[in-house]
Amino acid sequence: MRLFVAVFPPDDVCRDLRHRLTDGGARNVRLTPVDRWHVTLAFLGEVTAERLPEVTRELDAVTVPRGAMLRLHGGGRFGQGRSAVLWAGVEGDLDGLHRDVAGRLGVADREFTPHLTVAYRDDPVVRLALDGYAGPAWPLDGIALVRSVPGEGYTILRSW
């Protein structure tokens, strides 16, 4: 099963960003589904069912800094053209949480850019709407282990 560990912003935070993007005129680009909006802390890739108990044990030991304030702010782009990914940035200290999760799970330590993917295609209107965006702050209330099934969506297996 394909797994990742993520933070899910509250509904009001997602609504605020979606409103900013659609009010900005983002009508010709397909936004990612709001119910899937998340900030990935670590991508595990394919994990066997036999390894799942080990993964959950390691995540049991993670110290989640509950109450740490986060905010969607600004944005950027990975890649170019049709392979571009547009994202909203995340303000707040997720670096330590990322290192703890990635270290415990033995995930390769790549450069961590906390972000929330909003579209899988470049669009100047979306980029402009993200420029200077500062959404409502919210307190971190936990992390989730998520299963991703391409074409079907996400299932939260467990939350901490």
Protein backbone atom coordinates (compact mmCIF):
# COMPACT_ATOMS: atom_id res chain seq x y z
CA MET A 1 0.00 0.00 0.00
CA ARG A 2 1.18 3.52 -0.82
CA LEU A 3 1.56 5.59 2.37
CA PHE A 4 2.46 9.06 3.53
CA VAL A 5 2.33 11.04 6.79
CA ALA A 6 0.57 14.39 6.65
CA VAL A 7 -1.00 17.35 8.39
CA PHE A 8 -4.54 18.22 7.27
CA PRO A 9 -5.54 21.89 7.59
CA PRO A 10 -9.00 22.56 9.05
CA ASP A 11 -11.95 23.06 6.70
CA ASP A 12 -12.14 26.83 7.25
CA VAL A 13 -8.49 27.22 6.23
CA CYS A 14 -9.10 25.22 3.04
CA ARG A 15 -12.26 27.20 2.25
CA ASP A 16 -10.36 30.47 2.63
CA LEU A 17 -7.65 29.37 0.18
CA ARG A 18 -10.15 27.98 -2.31
CA HIS A 19 -12.08 31.26 -2.15
CA ARG A 20 -8.87 33.20 -2.83
CA LEU A 21 -8.06 31.02 -5.83
CA THR A 22 -11.53 31.06 -7.38
CA ASP A 23 -12.09 34.78 -6.67
CA GLY A 24 -8.74 35.40 -8.34
CA GLY A 25 -10.18 33.99 -11.55
CA ALA A 26 -8.75 30.46 -11.43
CA ARG A 27 -11.49 28.94 -13.56
CA ASN A 28 -9.51 27.45 -16.43
CA VAL A 29 -7.33 25.23 -14.28
CA ARG A 30 -8.50 22.18 -12.39
CA LEU A 31 -7.66 22.59 -8.73
CA THR A 32 -6.87 19.53 -6.66
CA PRO A 33 -9.90 18.37 -4.61
CA VAL A 34 -10.15 20.39 -1.39
CA ASP A 35 -10.95 17.28 0.66
CA ARG A 36 -7.49 15.96 -0.27
CA TRP A 37 -5.55 19.10 0.66
CA HIS A 38 -2.75 18.23 3.05
CA VAL A 39 0.85 19.00 3.91
CA THR A 40 3.08 15.94 3.46
CA LEU A 41 5.61 15.42 6.24
CA ALA A 42 7.06 12.19 4.82
CA PHE A 43 6.30 10.01 1.81
CA LEU A 44 6.85 6.33 2.53
CA GLY A 45 5.91 4.93 -0.87
CA GLU A 46 4.91 1.28 -1.08
CA VAL A 47 4.70 -0.38 2.36
CA THR A 48 3.75 -4.01 2.91
CA ALA A 49 0.93 -4.93 5.28
CA GLU A 50 3.52 -6.77 7.38
CA ARG A 51 5.47 -3.55 7.94
CA LEU A 52 2.42 -1.47 8.92
CA PRO A 53 2.63 -2.32 12.68
CA GLU A 54 6.27 -1.15 12.72
CA VAL A 55 5.31 2.11 11.00
CA THR A 56 2.54 2.80 13.51
CA ARG A 57 4.87 1.96 16.45
CA GLU A 58 7.41 4.48 15.16
CA LEU A 59 4.72 7.12 14.72
CA ASP A 60 3.48 6.41 18.26
CA ALA A 61 6.86 7.72 19.44
CA VAL A 62 6.69 11.00 17.49
CA THR A 63 6.22 14.12 19.59
CA VAL A 64 3.58 16.21 17.83
CA PRO A 65 3.95 19.88 18.84
CA ARG A 66 0.22 20.38 19.38
CA GLY A 67 -0.80 23.99 19.32
CA ALA A 68 2.09 25.09 17.11
CA MET A 69 0.63 27.76 14.85
CA LEU A 70 0.59 27.15 11.09
CA ARG A 71 -0.60 29.31 8.21
CA LEU A 72 -0.87 28.88 4.44
CA HIS A 73 1.16 31.71 2.99
CA GLY A 74 2.30 32.61 -0.51
CA GLY A 75 3.02 29.90 -3.00
CA GLY A 76 5.28 28.54 -5.65
CA ARG A 77 5.80 26.09 -8.44
CA PHE A 78 7.71 22.85 -8.81
CA GLY A 79 8.55 21.94 -12.41
CA GLN A 80 7.36 23.69 -15.55
CA GLY A 81 4.63 23.58 -18.15
CA ARG A 82 2.36 20.53 -18.13
CA SER A 83 4.42 18.84 -15.41
CA ALA A 84 4.22 21.85 -13.08
CA VAL A 85 2.82 21.61 -9.57
CA LEU A 86 1.42 24.79 -8.01
CA TRP A 87 1.39 25.00 -4.24
CA ALA A 88 0.60 27.18 -1.25
CA GLY A 89 3.46 27.56 1.20
CA VAL A 90 3.18 26.83 4.91
CA GLU A 91 4.39 29.20 7.62
CA GLY A 92 5.21 27.67 10.97
CA ASP A 93 7.80 25.28 12.27
CA LEU A 94 7.24 21.89 10.67
CA ASP A 95 10.96 21.18 10.13
CA GLY A 96 11.46 19.45 13.48
CA LEU A 97 8.31 17.36 13.06
CA HIS A 98 9.39 16.40 9.54
CA ARG A 99 12.86 15.35 10.78
CA ASP A 100 11.34 13.30 13.62
CA VAL A 101 8.86 11.50 11.35
CA ALA A 102 11.31 10.95 8.47
CA GLY A 103 14.07 9.81 10.83
CA ARG A 104 11.91 7.29 12.67
CA LEU A 105 10.54 5.86 9.43
CA GLY A 106 13.91 5.73 7.66
CA VAL A 107 12.68 7.91 4.81
CA ALA A 108 15.40 9.48 2.70
CA ASP A 109 15.99 12.99 3.99
CA ARG A 110 15.26 15.18 0.99
CA GLU A 111 15.00 18.94 1.13
CA PHE A 112 11.74 19.69 2.92
CA THR A 113 9.53 22.44 1.52
CA PRO A 114 6.27 22.40 3.47
CA HIS A 115 3.48 23.02 0.99
CA LEU A 116 -0.08 22.20 0.00
CA THR A 117 -0.55 21.23 -3.66
CA VAL A 118 -3.38 23.21 -5.28
CA ALA A 119 -3.00 22.31 -8.99
CA TYR A 120 -1.03 19.96 -11.25
CA ARG A 121 -0.69 22.43 -14.10
CA ASP A 122 0.91 25.84 -14.30
CA ASP A 123 -1.50 28.74 -14.41
CA PRO A 124 -0.49 32.41 -14.09
CA VAL A 125 -3.85 33.30 -12.50
CA VAL A 126 -3.33 30.74 -9.72
CA ARG A 127 0.26 31.90 -9.19
CA LEU A 128 -0.94 35.51 -8.94
CA ALA A 129 -3.69 34.53 -6.46
CA LEU A 130 -1.09 32.75 -4.30
CA ASP A 131 1.26 35.76 -4.35
CA GLY A 132 0.91 37.55 -1.07
CA TYR A 133 -1.75 35.15 0.19
CA ALA A 134 -1.82 34.87 3.97
CA GLY A 135 -4.56 32.57 5.17
CA PRO A 136 -5.93 32.20 8.68
CA ALA A 137 -3.59 30.68 11.24
CA TRP A 138 -4.51 27.39 12.88
CA PRO A 139 -3.06 25.31 15.71
CA LEU A 140 -1.51 21.99 14.73
CA ASP A 141 -3.73 19.32 16.23
CA GLY A 142 -2.11 16.14 14.98
CA ILE A 143 -0.68 14.10 12.15
CA ALA A 144 -2.15 11.28 10.08
CA LEU A 145 -0.91 8.13 8.38
CA VAL A 146 -2.60 8.11 4.99
CA ARG A 147 -3.07 5.48 2.31
CA SER A 148 -3.17 6.78 -1.25
CA VAL A 149 -4.87 4.80 -3.99
CA PRO A 150 -4.30 6.43 -7.39
CA GLY A 151 -7.60 7.38 -8.97
CA GLU A 152 -9.53 6.66 -5.77
CA GLY A 153 -8.25 9.11 -3.19
CA TYR A 154 -6.97 8.94 0.36
CA THR A 155 -7.87 6.93 3.44
CA ILE A 156 -6.63 8.01 6.86
CA LEU A 157 -5.41 4.82 8.51
CA ARG A 158 -4.63 6.40 11.86
CA SER A 159 -4.23 9.81 13.47
CA TRP A 160 -2.03 10.97 16.33
